[in-house]
Each structure stands twice: as C-alpha cells, then as structure tokens.
Amino acid sequence: MNDSKTLADRIEDLLPQTQCTKCGYDGCRPYAEAVAAGAASYNQCPPGGAEGVARLAKLLGKPVIPINPVNGVERPRPVAFIDEQVCIGCTLCMQACPVDAIVGAPKQMHTIVKDLCTGCDLCVAPCPVDCIAMIPVTGEATGWDAWTQQQADEARVRHDRRQARLAAERHAAEARAAARRAAATPAGAASEASDASATSASPAAASPAATDDAEARKKAIIQAALERARRKKQELAERGAGPRNTEHVSADVQAQIDAAEARRRRLGIAADTGTADNKTGGAATPDQPAPNADQNDKPA
C-alpha cells in the first residue's frame, strides 16, 4: 500500500503545531510547504528546538544544524496569563490566538484556557493595555521536552477548525454584502436594462440618475414634513395655542433645533424666516421637523 502523504505532509507532522509564526510563515503548514519546496530552511522552528531540527534533518537527509537565531531561541514553554483586573475586553487577543485558547466577549473580562495555550506569544502585541504576560510553565524543559505529540495533534485540530470557521464567516459576510448590494439596486433596474438597446442608455449612466432620484425622494419627504409642521403651527395659532417658550428653550432642545437647521441647510431647504415666532438671530423656526416639535407644544 502506497503512502499518499506528500513531503510537506511529513514535515508538518514533525512540527509542534504551536502556530507561532516565528518561522516567518503564517503557521506550521505554510512553513512545511516552504521547507518542502526549498524556500525555507529546516532550522526555523524555535518551539521544536534542537530535537525538532534533528527530526526534520533526518527526514530530509540533511545534517543537524543549530536553530537560526533570527527566528528565536529554544526556551521553556510559556503560557499566556491575562491580568483580569486590567483587561478591557477589546477581543484583540482572541482574534490573534491561532488555537482559540482565549475565552471572553466584547467589553467583558477575558481569560486563558491554560491547557489549550501553545505559548505562541501572538496575543501579547495586540493588547492595548499590556495586560498579558507569558509565564514559563515547564521548568528547564525546552523544545519537545516541554511539549508532547498529543498536545501538538490537539493544537493542530483546533487551529484547522478555527481556520475553517473563519473562512465560513468570511464567505457569509461576502454573501451578505452581495445581498445588500443587490437589494440597493433600484427596482426598475432590470426593466431599464432590458430597454437599454432601445434607449441607448449605458449602465454607467443609470447610477448617477438613481442617486439623483434618491436625493429627490429624500428632499420631498423632508419638504412634506415641513409642510405638515407649518399647517400644525397655523392651526395652533388660530386656536390661540401657539408654541410656547420659543425664546428660552433648554440647552438640549436648542441643540436639537440647531441640528435640524443644519440638516436643512445641507439639503438646500431654506428656513421659514418670515414668521414672528422666529428665534432672535434666525437660528431656527418652530415649524421645523425637529425632534422637539411635540415638546414645544407643551406648557413651559
């Protein structure tokens, strides 16, 4: 029976699966592929230590050489520790962890699942409050003496599952974005496209027109709201129950009035400055569709 494993597969089987990227690649699998292709040396994995280099050298039929110091040094295996009193719940460490060894939620305290941590250090740099420390837990044992094949196999499974989950999430996000773009297309786009040959209209020309139509609809809605507000003001005035306290409104109400007036100016809708109820200085008129319209109808 022939072994279907490639050289990259065999190299990956000999790596500690910490997914630490110290080798210069995004994970153990990319590094294995690079070594198999001759693009990377077999001495770039500090977590595997000297024993790891020896394993790869034997497989490749090459001499045992020291770990490249550019990639780091062999050391006791550390485990990440989060100072939970300082953690702000930003989730950046969770996003960086390659094996899902961090538990937490946005704006909630995070914690490390010690038995799942591979000691990769990747969670340390993203932390904005510097609340993560790497603590050695294997005494003087380093490399494969500080790590077992079972731990490596389990870390590999968690990493692969995480990669699959992230890929599914990306595909789902892309699908939602495509659905939103499709939903944003004007309802008449299909019929306009079918009549394009008759009207000689290009697809590129339809986009600005659709934008103009949307702006026109928006202005029409606002103008209608203004008209309703004017009618309401006139009815109240006829009953002798016009808006009160238009001269000395609260700071919150005035902020709402100013915001409404700013929106009117941006949309090119002139304020009705010809009424006697206008606030001195022309800041706003009581007939604006401002959020405080009902509040102005109440006794001061």
C-alpha atoms as a PDB file:
ATOM      1  CA  MET A   1       0.000   0.000   0.000  1.00  0.00           C
ATOM      2  CA  ASN A   2       1.465   3.312  -1.070  1.00  0.00           C
ATOM      3  CA  ASP A   3       1.720   6.222   1.361  1.00  0.00           C
ATOM      4  CA  SER A   4      -0.227   9.120  -0.140  1.00  0.00           C
ATOM      5  CA  LYS A   5       1.397  11.720   2.107  1.00  0.00           C
ATOM      6  CA  THR A   6       3.438  14.404   0.416  1.00  0.00           C
ATOM      7  CA  LEU A   7       6.761  15.679   1.702  1.00  0.00           C
ATOM      8  CA  ALA A   8       5.003  18.770   3.069  1.00  0.00           C
ATOM      9  CA  ASP A   9       2.607  16.477   4.972  1.00  0.00           C
ATOM     10  CA  ARG A  10       5.508  14.583   6.553  1.00  0.00           C
ATOM     11  CA  ILE A  11       7.287  17.790   7.522  1.00  0.00           C
ATOM     12  CA  GLU A  12       4.108  19.193   9.058  1.00  0.00           C
ATOM     13  CA  ASP A  13       3.684  16.009  11.103  1.00  0.00           C
ATOM     14  CA  LEU A  14       7.075  16.699  12.733  1.00  0.00           C
ATOM     15  CA  LEU A  15       6.296  20.300  13.722  1.00  0.00           C
ATOM     16  CA  PRO A  16       4.983  21.206  17.196  1.00  0.00           C
ATOM     17  CA  GLN A  17       1.849  22.943  15.826  1.00  0.00           C
ATOM     18  CA  THR A  18       2.201  25.989  18.082  1.00  0.00           C
ATOM     19  CA  GLN A  19       1.291  28.133  15.037  1.00  0.00           C
ATOM     20  CA  CYS A  20       3.532  30.855  16.474  1.00  0.00           C
ATOM     21  CA  THR A  21       4.775  32.226  13.100  1.00  0.00           C
ATOM     22  CA  LYS A  22       8.322  32.538  14.489  1.00  0.00           C
ATOM     23  CA  CYS A  23       9.464  30.565  11.448  1.00  0.00           C
ATOM     24  CA  GLY A  24       8.460  33.538   9.295  1.00  0.00           C
ATOM     25  CA  TYR A  25       5.322  31.911   7.917  1.00  0.00           C
ATOM     26  CA  ASP A  26       1.636  32.195   8.874  1.00  0.00           C
ATOM     27  CA  GLY A  27       1.556  28.776  10.515  1.00  0.00           C
ATOM     28  CA  CYS A  28       3.064  25.321  10.610  1.00  0.00           C
ATOM     29  CA  ARG A  29       1.501  24.185   7.344  1.00  0.00           C
ATOM     30  CA  PRO A  30       2.803  27.105   5.242  1.00  0.00           C
ATOM     31  CA  TYR A  31       6.240  26.592   6.787  1.00  0.00           C
ATOM     32  CA  ALA A  32       6.143  22.878   5.977  1.00  0.00           C
ATOM     33  CA  GLU A  33       5.257  23.663   2.379  1.00  0.00           C
ATOM     34  CA  ALA A  34       8.086  26.198   2.161  1.00  0.00           C
ATOM     35  CA  VAL A  35      10.620  23.692   3.519  1.00  0.00           C
ATOM     36  CA  ALA A  36       9.381  21.026   1.117  1.00  0.00           C
ATOM     37  CA  ALA A  37       9.745  23.479  -1.773  1.00  0.00           C
ATOM     38  CA  GLY A  38      13.242  24.504  -0.685  1.00  0.00           C
ATOM     39  CA  ALA A  39      12.114  28.080   0.020  1.00  0.00           C
ATOM     40  CA  ALA A  40      12.839  27.843   3.760  1.00  0.00           C
ATOM     41  CA  SER A  41      15.427  26.080   5.908  1.00  0.00           C
ATOM     42  CA  TYR A  42      14.541  23.307   8.337  1.00  0.00           C
ATOM     43  CA  ASN A  43      16.058  25.187  11.311  1.00  0.00           C
ATOM     44  CA  GLN A  44      13.483  27.992  11.677  1.00  0.00           C
ATOM     45  CA  CYS A  45      11.222  26.498  14.383  1.00  0.00           C
ATOM     46  CA  PRO A  46      12.275  27.564  17.909  1.00  0.00           C
ATOM     47  CA  PRO A  47       9.383  25.776  19.681  1.00  0.00           C
ATOM     48  CA  GLY A  48      10.580  22.478  18.218  1.00  0.00           C
ATOM     49  CA  GLY A  49      14.057  23.175  19.492  1.00  0.00           C
ATOM     50  CA  ALA A  50      17.156  21.176  18.626  1.00  0.00           C
ATOM     51  CA  GLU A  51      15.177  17.940  18.650  1.00  0.00           C
ATOM     52  CA  GLY A  52      12.784  19.397  16.118  1.00  0.00           C
ATOM     53  CA  VAL A  53      15.668  20.323  13.813  1.00  0.00           C
ATOM     54  CA  ALA A  54      17.065  16.811  14.193  1.00  0.00           C
ATOM     55  CA  ARG A  55      13.731  15.265  13.258  1.00  0.00           C
ATOM     56  CA  LEU A  56      13.478  17.353  10.105  1.00  0.00           C
ATOM     57  CA  ALA A  57      17.123  16.761   9.212  1.00  0.00           C
ATOM     58  CA  LYS A  58      16.582  13.002   9.394  1.00  0.00           C
ATOM     59  CA  LEU A  59      13.501  13.188   7.187  1.00  0.00           C
ATOM     60  CA  LEU A  60      15.251  15.396   4.645  1.00  0.00           C
ATOM     61  CA  GLY A  61      18.541  13.533   4.761  1.00  0.00           C
ATOM     62  CA  LYS A  62      20.440  16.606   5.821  1.00  0.00           C
ATOM     63  CA  PRO A  63      22.859  17.425   8.667  1.00  0.00           C
ATOM     64  CA  VAL A  64      21.664  18.677  12.021  1.00  0.00           C
ATOM     65  CA  ILE A  65      22.279  22.427  12.311  1.00  0.00           C
ATOM     66  CA  PRO A  66      21.547  24.998  15.048  1.00  0.00           C
ATOM     67  CA  ILE A  67      18.304  26.911  15.135  1.00  0.00           C
ATOM     68  CA  ASN A  68      18.550  30.145  13.197  1.00  0.00           C
ATOM     69  CA  PRO A  69      18.777  32.876  15.884  1.00  0.00           C
ATOM     70  CA  VAL A  70      16.851  35.234  13.612  1.00  0.00           C
ATOM     71  CA  ASN A  71      13.767  33.116  14.310  1.00  0.00           C
ATOM     72  CA  GLY A  72      14.286  32.978  18.070  1.00  0.00           C
ATOM     73  CA  VAL A  73      15.765  30.648  20.653  1.00  0.00           C
ATOM     74  CA  GLU A  74      14.718  27.379  22.230  1.00  0.00           C
ATOM     75  CA  ARG A  75      13.136  28.053  25.608  1.00  0.00           C
ATOM     76  CA  PRO A  76      10.843  26.613  28.294  1.00  0.00           C
ATOM     77  CA  ARG A  77       7.248  26.588  27.091  1.00  0.00           C
ATOM     78  CA  PRO A  78       5.264  29.582  28.341  1.00  0.00           C
ATOM     79  CA  VAL A  79       1.543  30.020  28.853  1.00  0.00           C
ATOM     80  CA  ALA A  80      -0.248  33.338  28.427  1.00  0.00           C
ATOM     81  CA  PHE A  81      -1.735  34.949  31.524  1.00  0.00           C
ATOM     82  CA  ILE A  82      -4.256  37.820  31.433  1.00  0.00           C
ATOM     83  CA  ASP A  83      -4.419  40.304  34.290  1.00  0.00           C
ATOM     84  CA  GLU A  84      -8.188  40.258  34.539  1.00  0.00           C
ATOM     85  CA  GLN A  85      -8.293  43.465  36.596  1.00  0.00           C
ATOM     86  CA  VAL A  86      -6.732  45.386  33.709  1.00  0.00           C
ATOM     87  CA  CYS A  87      -8.391  43.633  30.749  1.00  0.00           C
ATOM     88  CA  ILE A  88     -10.830  45.920  28.900  1.00  0.00           C
ATOM     89  CA  GLY A  89     -12.466  43.212  26.779  1.00  0.00           C
ATOM     90  CA  CYS A  90     -11.273  44.546  23.427  1.00  0.00           C
ATOM     91  CA  THR A  91     -11.159  40.977  21.938  1.00  0.00           C
ATOM     92  CA  LEU A  92      -7.920  41.695  20.047  1.00  0.00           C
ATOM     93  CA  CYS A  93      -6.146  38.851  21.834  1.00  0.00           C
ATOM     94  CA  MET A  94      -8.957  36.458  20.926  1.00  0.00           C
ATOM     95  CA  GLN A  95      -8.623  37.435  17.287  1.00  0.00           C
ATOM     96  CA  ALA A  96      -4.858  36.818  17.427  1.00  0.00           C
ATOM     97  CA  CYS A  97      -4.962  33.423  19.155  1.00  0.00           C
ATOM     98  CA  PRO A  98      -4.425  30.728  16.482  1.00  0.00           C
ATOM     99  CA  VAL A  99      -5.914  27.883  18.538  1.00  0.00           C
ATOM    100  CA  ASP A 100      -8.917  29.511  20.263  1.00  0.00           C
ATOM    101  CA  ALA A 101      -7.376  29.283  23.718  1.00  0.00           C
ATOM    102  CA  ILE A 102      -8.873  32.586  24.957  1.00  0.00           C
ATOM    103  CA  VAL A 103     -12.393  32.897  26.320  1.00  0.00           C
ATOM    104  CA  GLY A 104     -14.222  36.205  26.566  1.00  0.00           C
ATOM    105  CA  ALA A 105     -16.658  38.611  24.945  1.00  0.00           C
ATOM    106  CA  PRO A 106     -16.590  42.263  23.839  1.00  0.00           C
ATOM    107  CA  LYS A 107     -16.201  44.596  26.834  1.00  0.00           C
ATOM    108  CA  GLN A 108     -16.054  41.581  29.159  1.00  0.00           C
ATOM    109  CA  MET A 109     -13.091  40.127  31.000  1.00  0.00           C
ATOM    110  CA  HIS A 110     -11.036  37.581  29.032  1.00  0.00           C
ATOM    111  CA  THR A 111      -9.169  34.577  30.360  1.00  0.00           C
ATOM    112  CA  ILE A 112      -6.726  31.974  29.015  1.00  0.00           C
ATOM    113  CA  VAL A 113      -7.606  28.277  28.915  1.00  0.00           C
ATOM    114  CA  LYS A 114      -4.226  27.113  30.160  1.00  0.00           C
ATOM    115  CA  ASP A 115      -4.399  23.581  28.759  1.00  0.00           C
ATOM    116  CA  LEU A 116      -5.113  24.904  25.256  1.00  0.00           C
ATOM    117  CA  CYS A 117      -2.452  27.632  25.095  1.00  0.00           C
ATOM    118  CA  THR A 118       0.527  26.799  22.862  1.00  0.00           C
ATOM    119  CA  GLY A 119       2.699  29.657  24.151  1.00  0.00           C
ATOM    120  CA  CYS A 120       2.844  31.312  20.737  1.00  0.00           C
ATOM    121  CA  ASP A 121       3.037  34.912  22.107  1.00  0.00           C
ATOM    122  CA  LEU A 122       0.733  36.203  19.375  1.00  0.00           C
ATOM    123  CA  CYS A 123      -1.774  37.625  21.852  1.00  0.00           C
ATOM    124  CA  VAL A 124       0.760  39.871  23.598  1.00  0.00           C
ATOM    125  CA  ALA A 125       1.444  42.519  20.956  1.00  0.00           C
ATOM    126  CA  PRO A 126      -2.188  43.394  20.077  1.00  0.00           C
ATOM    127  CA  CYS A 127      -3.201  44.037  23.715  1.00  0.00           C
ATOM    128  CA  PRO A 128      -3.705  47.824  24.053  1.00  0.00           C
ATOM    129  CA  VAL A 129      -3.400  47.810  27.849  1.00  0.00           C
ATOM    130  CA  ASP A 130      -0.430  45.439  28.143  1.00  0.00           C
ATOM    131  CA  CYS A 131      -2.272  43.045  30.448  1.00  0.00           C
ATOM    132  CA  ILE A 132      -0.908  39.781  29.003  1.00  0.00           C
ATOM    133  CA  ALA A 133       2.232  38.084  30.317  1.00  0.00           C
ATOM    134  CA  MET A 134       3.909  34.904  29.102  1.00  0.00           C
ATOM    135  CA  ILE A 135       4.796  32.710  32.082  1.00  0.00           C
ATOM    136  CA  PRO A 136       7.116  29.653  31.707  1.00  0.00           C
ATOM    137  CA  VAL A 137       5.407  26.516  32.988  1.00  0.00           C
ATOM    138  CA  THR A 138       7.835  23.709  32.112  1.00  0.00           C
ATOM    139  CA  GLY A 139      10.788  24.494  34.354  1.00  0.00           C
ATOM    140  CA  GLU A 140      14.023  23.826  32.481  1.00  0.00           C
ATOM    141  CA  ALA A 141      12.382  21.592  29.880  1.00  0.00           C
ATOM    142  CA  THR A 142      12.508  23.098  26.390  1.00  0.00           C
ATOM    143  CA  GLY A 143      11.517  22.185  22.853  1.00  0.00           C
ATOM    144  CA  TRP A 144       9.898  18.761  22.522  1.00  0.00           C
ATOM    145  CA  ASP A 145      10.780  18.030  26.149  1.00  0.00           C
ATOM    146  CA  ALA A 146       8.268  20.756  27.077  1.00  0.00           C
ATOM    147  CA  TRP A 147       5.625  19.633  24.572  1.00  0.00           C
ATOM    148  CA  THR A 148       4.077  16.288  23.659  1.00  0.00           C
ATOM    149  CA  GLN A 149       2.901  14.823  20.387  1.00  0.00           C
ATOM    150  CA  GLN A 150      -0.619  14.605  21.793  1.00  0.00           C
ATOM    151  CA  GLN A 151      -0.590  18.325  22.607  1.00  0.00           C
ATOM    152  CA  ALA A 152       0.700  19.076  19.116  1.00  0.00           C
ATOM    153  CA  ASP A 153      -2.018  16.964  17.487  1.00  0.00           C
ATOM    154  CA  GLU A 154      -4.763  18.614  19.541  1.00  0.00           C
ATOM    155  CA  ALA A 155      -3.426  22.112  18.784  1.00  0.00           C
ATOM    156  CA  ARG A 156      -3.374  21.240  15.099  1.00  0.00           C
ATOM    157  CA  VAL A 157      -7.022  20.187  15.175  1.00  0.00           C
ATOM    158  CA  ARG A 158      -8.070  23.397  16.974  1.00  0.00           C
ATOM    159  CA  HIS A 159      -6.108  25.525  14.521  1.00  0.00           C
ATOM    160  CA  ASP A 160      -7.650  23.785  11.497  1.00  0.00           C
ATOM    161  CA  ARG A 161     -11.144  24.149  12.936  1.00  0.00           C
ATOM    162  CA  ARG A 162     -10.549  27.836  13.588  1.00  0.00           C
ATOM    163  CA  GLN A 163      -9.309  28.368  10.032  1.00  0.00           C
ATOM    164  CA  ALA A 164     -12.403  26.624   8.677  1.00  0.00           C
ATOM    165  CA  ARG A 165     -14.679  28.749  10.872  1.00  0.00           C
ATOM    166  CA  LEU A 166     -13.012  31.998   9.813  1.00  0.00           C
ATOM    167  CA  ALA A 167     -13.299  31.013   6.162  1.00  0.00           C
ATOM    168  CA  ALA A 168     -17.011  30.269   6.608  1.00  0.00           C
ATOM    169  CA  GLU A 169     -17.527  33.611   8.347  1.00  0.00           C
ATOM    170  CA  ARG A 170     -15.762  35.430   5.507  1.00  0.00           C
ATOM    171  CA  HIS A 171     -17.908  33.692   2.911  1.00  0.00           C
ATOM    172  CA  ALA A 172     -21.072  34.505   4.876  1.00  0.00           C
ATOM    173  CA  ALA A 173     -20.045  38.169   5.181  1.00  0.00           C
ATOM    174  CA  GLU A 174     -19.360  38.346   1.450  1.00  0.00           C
ATOM    175  CA  ALA A 175     -22.761  36.808   0.741  1.00  0.00           C
ATOM    176  CA  ARG A 176     -24.496  39.332   2.997  1.00  0.00           C
ATOM    177  CA  ALA A 177     -22.639  42.196   1.324  1.00  0.00           C
ATOM    178  CA  ALA A 178     -23.661  40.904  -2.103  1.00  0.00           C
ATOM    179  CA  ALA A 179     -27.281  40.638  -0.944  1.00  0.00           C
ATOM    180  CA  ARG A 180     -27.208  44.225   0.350  1.00  0.00           C
ATOM    181  CA  ARG A 181     -25.781  45.460  -2.949  1.00  0.00           C
ATOM    182  CA  ALA A 182     -28.480  43.590  -4.841  1.00  0.00           C
ATOM    183  CA  ALA A 183     -31.194  44.976  -2.559  1.00  0.00           C
ATOM    184  CA  ALA A 184     -29.877  48.511  -3.070  1.00  0.00           C
ATOM    185  CA  THR A 185     -30.359  48.223  -6.843  1.00  0.00           C
ATOM    186  CA  PRO A 186     -33.435  50.255  -7.953  1.00  0.00           C
ATOM    187  CA  ALA A 187     -36.496  48.100  -8.594  1.00  0.00           C
ATOM    188  CA  GLY A 188     -36.672  49.248 -12.179  1.00  0.00           C
ATOM    189  CA  ALA A 189     -33.071  48.437 -12.978  1.00  0.00           C
ATOM    190  CA  ALA A 190     -33.961  45.148 -14.636  1.00  0.00           C
ATOM    191  CA  SER A 191     -36.547  46.662 -16.952  1.00  0.00           C
ATOM    192  CA  GLU A 192     -34.270  49.581 -17.723  1.00  0.00           C
ATOM    193  CA  ALA A 193     -31.524  47.142 -18.616  1.00  0.00           C
ATOM    194  CA  SER A 194     -33.846  45.246 -20.964  1.00  0.00           C
ATOM    195  CA  ASP A 195     -34.740  48.507 -22.707  1.00  0.00           C
ATOM    196  CA  ALA A 196     -31.157  49.673 -22.904  1.00  0.00           C
ATOM    197  CA  SER A 197     -30.847  48.884 -26.605  1.00  0.00           C
ATOM    198  CA  ALA A 198     -33.931  50.983 -27.382  1.00  0.00           C
ATOM    199  CA  THR A 199     -32.958  53.950 -25.264  1.00  0.00           C
ATOM    200  CA  SER A 200     -29.213  53.704 -25.930  1.00  0.00           C
ATOM    201  CA  ALA A 201     -28.669  54.233 -22.206  1.00  0.00           C
ATOM    202  CA  SER A 202     -25.439  52.807 -20.812  1.00  0.00           C
ATOM    203  CA  PRO A 203     -25.362  51.004 -17.409  1.00  0.00           C
ATOM    204  CA  ALA A 204     -22.837  53.540 -16.188  1.00  0.00           C
ATOM    205  CA  ALA A 205     -25.285  56.369 -16.817  1.00  0.00           C
ATOM    206  CA  ALA A 206     -28.004  54.747 -14.681  1.00  0.00           C
ATOM    207  CA  SER A 207     -26.088  55.015 -11.432  1.00  0.00           C
ATOM    208  CA  PRO A 208     -25.972  58.859 -11.167  1.00  0.00           C
ATOM    209  CA  ALA A 209     -29.646  59.005 -12.155  1.00  0.00           C
ATOM    210  CA  ALA A 210     -30.572  56.570  -9.404  1.00  0.00           C
ATOM    211  CA  THR A 211     -28.604  58.654  -6.928  1.00  0.00           C
ATOM    212  CA  ASP A 212     -30.393  61.819  -8.033  1.00  0.00           C
ATOM    213  CA  ASP A 213     -33.767  60.096  -7.670  1.00  0.00           C
ATOM    214  CA  ALA A 214     -32.900  59.003  -4.138  1.00  0.00           C
ATOM    215  CA  GLU A 215     -31.866  62.536  -3.181  1.00  0.00           C
ATOM    216  CA  ALA A 216     -35.029  63.947  -4.734  1.00  0.00           C
ATOM    217  CA  ARG A 217     -37.175  61.499  -2.752  1.00  0.00           C
ATOM    218  CA  LYS A 218     -35.338  62.399   0.440  1.00  0.00           C
ATOM    219  CA  LYS A 219     -35.890  66.130  -0.116  1.00  0.00           C
ATOM    220  CA  ALA A 220     -39.549  65.530  -0.961  1.00  0.00           C
ATOM    221  CA  ILE A 221     -40.072  63.626   2.301  1.00  0.00           C
ATOM    222  CA  ILE A 222     -38.443  66.390   4.330  1.00  0.00           C
ATOM    223  CA  GLN A 223     -40.402  69.077   2.477  1.00  0.00           C
ATOM    224  CA  ALA A 224     -43.645  67.237   3.207  1.00  0.00           C
ATOM    225  CA  ALA A 225     -42.734  67.052   6.892  1.00  0.00           C
ATOM    226  CA  LEU A 226     -42.062  70.796   6.891  1.00  0.00           C
ATOM    227  CA  GLU A 227     -45.436  71.453   5.307  1.00  0.00           C
ATOM    228  CA  ARG A 228     -47.181  69.358   7.936  1.00  0.00           C
ATOM    229  CA  ALA A 229     -45.369  71.273  10.659  1.00  0.00           C
ATOM    230  CA  ARG A 230     -46.416  74.610   9.124  1.00  0.00           C
ATOM    231  CA  ARG A 231     -50.048  73.515   8.973  1.00  0.00           C
ATOM    232  CA  LYS A 232     -49.940  72.370  12.549  1.00  0.00           C
ATOM    233  CA  LYS A 233     -48.446  75.697  13.620  1.00  0.00           C
ATOM    234  CA  GLN A 234     -51.164  77.611  11.762  1.00  0.00           C
ATOM    235  CA  GLU A 235     -53.929  75.538  13.348  1.00  0.00           C
ATOM    236  CA  LEU A 236     -52.486  76.097  16.806  1.00  0.00           C
ATOM    237  CA  ALA A 237     -52.202  79.843  16.176  1.00  0.00           C
ATOM    238  CA  GLU A 238     -55.830  80.020  15.052  1.00  0.00           C
ATOM    239  CA  ARG A 239     -56.875  78.383  18.329  1.00  0.00           C
ATOM    240  CA  GLY A 240     -54.646  80.718  20.299  1.00  0.00           C
ATOM    241  CA  ALA A 241     -52.460  77.841  21.364  1.00  0.00           C
ATOM    242  CA  GLY A 242     -49.249  78.567  19.529  1.00  0.00           C
ATOM    243  CA  PRO A 243     -45.915  77.110  20.629  1.00  0.00           C
ATOM    244  CA  ARG A 244     -44.616  78.444  23.918  1.00  0.00           C
ATOM    245  CA  ASN A 245     -41.152  79.200  25.219  1.00  0.00           C
ATOM    246  CA  THR A 246     -39.527  79.764  21.837  1.00  0.00           C
ATOM    247  CA  GLU A 247     -37.149  82.343  23.270  1.00  0.00           C
ATOM    248  CA  HIS A 248     -35.662  80.493  26.241  1.00  0.00           C
ATOM    249  CA  VAL A 249     -35.529  76.799  25.378  1.00  0.00           C
ATOM    250  CA  SER A 250     -33.272  74.399  27.240  1.00  0.00           C
ATOM    251  CA  ALA A 251     -29.756  73.661  26.028  1.00  0.00           C
ATOM    252  CA  ASP A 252     -30.753  70.141  24.914  1.00  0.00           C
ATOM    253  CA  VAL A 253     -33.720  71.412  22.934  1.00  0.00           C
ATOM    254  CA  GLN A 254     -31.662  74.184  21.365  1.00  0.00           C
ATOM    255  CA  ALA A 255     -29.056  71.622  20.303  1.00  0.00           C
ATOM    256  CA  GLN A 256     -31.791  69.636  18.563  1.00  0.00           C
ATOM    257  CA  ILE A 257     -33.064  72.800  16.856  1.00  0.00           C
ATOM    258  CA  ASP A 258     -29.566  73.691  15.684  1.00  0.00           C
ATOM    259  CA  ALA A 259     -29.017  70.173  14.357  1.00  0.00           C
ATOM    260  CA  ALA A 260     -32.290  70.279  12.435  1.00  0.00           C
ATOM    261  CA  GLU A 261     -31.425  73.660  10.958  1.00  0.00           C
ATOM    262  CA  ALA A 262     -28.004  72.376   9.907  1.00  0.00           C
ATOM    263  CA  ARG A 263     -29.653  69.480   8.113  1.00  0.00           C
ATOM    264  CA  ARG A 264     -31.979  71.881   6.311  1.00  0.00           C
ATOM    265  CA  ARG A 265     -29.056  73.966   5.138  1.00  0.00           C
ATOM    266  CA  ARG A 266     -27.188  70.877   3.902  1.00  0.00           C
ATOM    267  CA  LEU A 267     -30.226  69.801   1.928  1.00  0.00           C
ATOM    268  CA  GLY A 268     -30.719  73.259   0.463  1.00  0.00           C
ATOM    269  CA  ILE A 269     -34.081  73.827   2.138  1.00  0.00           C
ATOM    270  CA  ALA A 270     -34.461  77.479   3.158  1.00  0.00           C
ATOM    271  CA  ALA A 271     -35.718  78.189   6.652  1.00  0.00           C
ATOM    272  CA  ASP A 272     -39.020  79.984   7.018  1.00  0.00           C
ATOM    273  CA  THR A 273     -37.694  83.259   8.428  1.00  0.00           C
ATOM    274  CA  GLY A 274     -40.775  85.335   7.722  1.00  0.00           C
ATOM    275  CA  THR A 275     -42.776  84.441  10.853  1.00  0.00           C
ATOM    276  CA  ALA A 276     -42.975  86.405  14.023  1.00  0.00           C
ATOM    277  CA  ASP A 277     -42.202  83.338  16.105  1.00  0.00           C
ATOM    278  CA  ASN A 278     -38.649  83.008  14.820  1.00  0.00           C
ATOM    279  CA  LYS A 279     -35.982  82.895  17.455  1.00  0.00           C
ATOM    280  CA  THR A 280     -33.860  86.016  17.524  1.00  0.00           C
ATOM    281  CA  GLY A 281     -30.820  85.626  15.325  1.00  0.00           C
ATOM    282  CA  GLY A 282     -32.555  83.287  12.867  1.00  0.00           C
ATOM    283  CA  ALA A 283     -31.170  80.092  14.449  1.00  0.00           C
ATOM    284  CA  ALA A 284     -34.329  78.059  13.816  1.00  0.00           C
ATOM    285  CA  THR A 285     -38.074  78.246  13.424  1.00  0.00           C
ATOM    286  CA  PRO A 286     -40.669  76.441  15.495  1.00  0.00           C
ATOM    287  CA  ASP A 287     -42.125  74.877  12.359  1.00  0.00           C
ATOM    288  CA  GLN A 288     -39.034  72.748  11.725  1.00  0.00           C
ATOM    289  CA  PRO A 289     -39.466  68.951  11.870  1.00  0.00           C
ATOM    290  CA  ALA A 290     -37.083  68.951  14.800  1.00  0.00           C
ATOM    291  CA  PRO A 291     -37.207  66.204  17.456  1.00  0.00           C
ATOM    292  CA  ASN A 292     -38.571  68.787  19.950  1.00  0.00           C
ATOM    293  CA  ALA A 293     -41.718  69.627  17.936  1.00  0.00           C
ATOM    294  CA  ASP A 294     -44.006  67.975  20.471  1.00  0.00           C
ATOM    295  CA  GLN A 295     -42.053  69.453  23.354  1.00  0.00           C
ATOM    296  CA  ASN A 296     -42.715  72.972  22.073  1.00  0.00           C
ATOM    297  CA  ASP A 297     -46.446  72.239  22.204  1.00  0.00           C
ATOM    298  CA  LYS A 298     -46.276  71.623  25.945  1.00  0.00           C
ATOM    299  CA  PRO A 299     -46.554  74.358  28.602  1.00  0.00           C
ATOM    300  CA  ALA A 300     -43.203  75.879  29.517  1.00  0.00           C
END
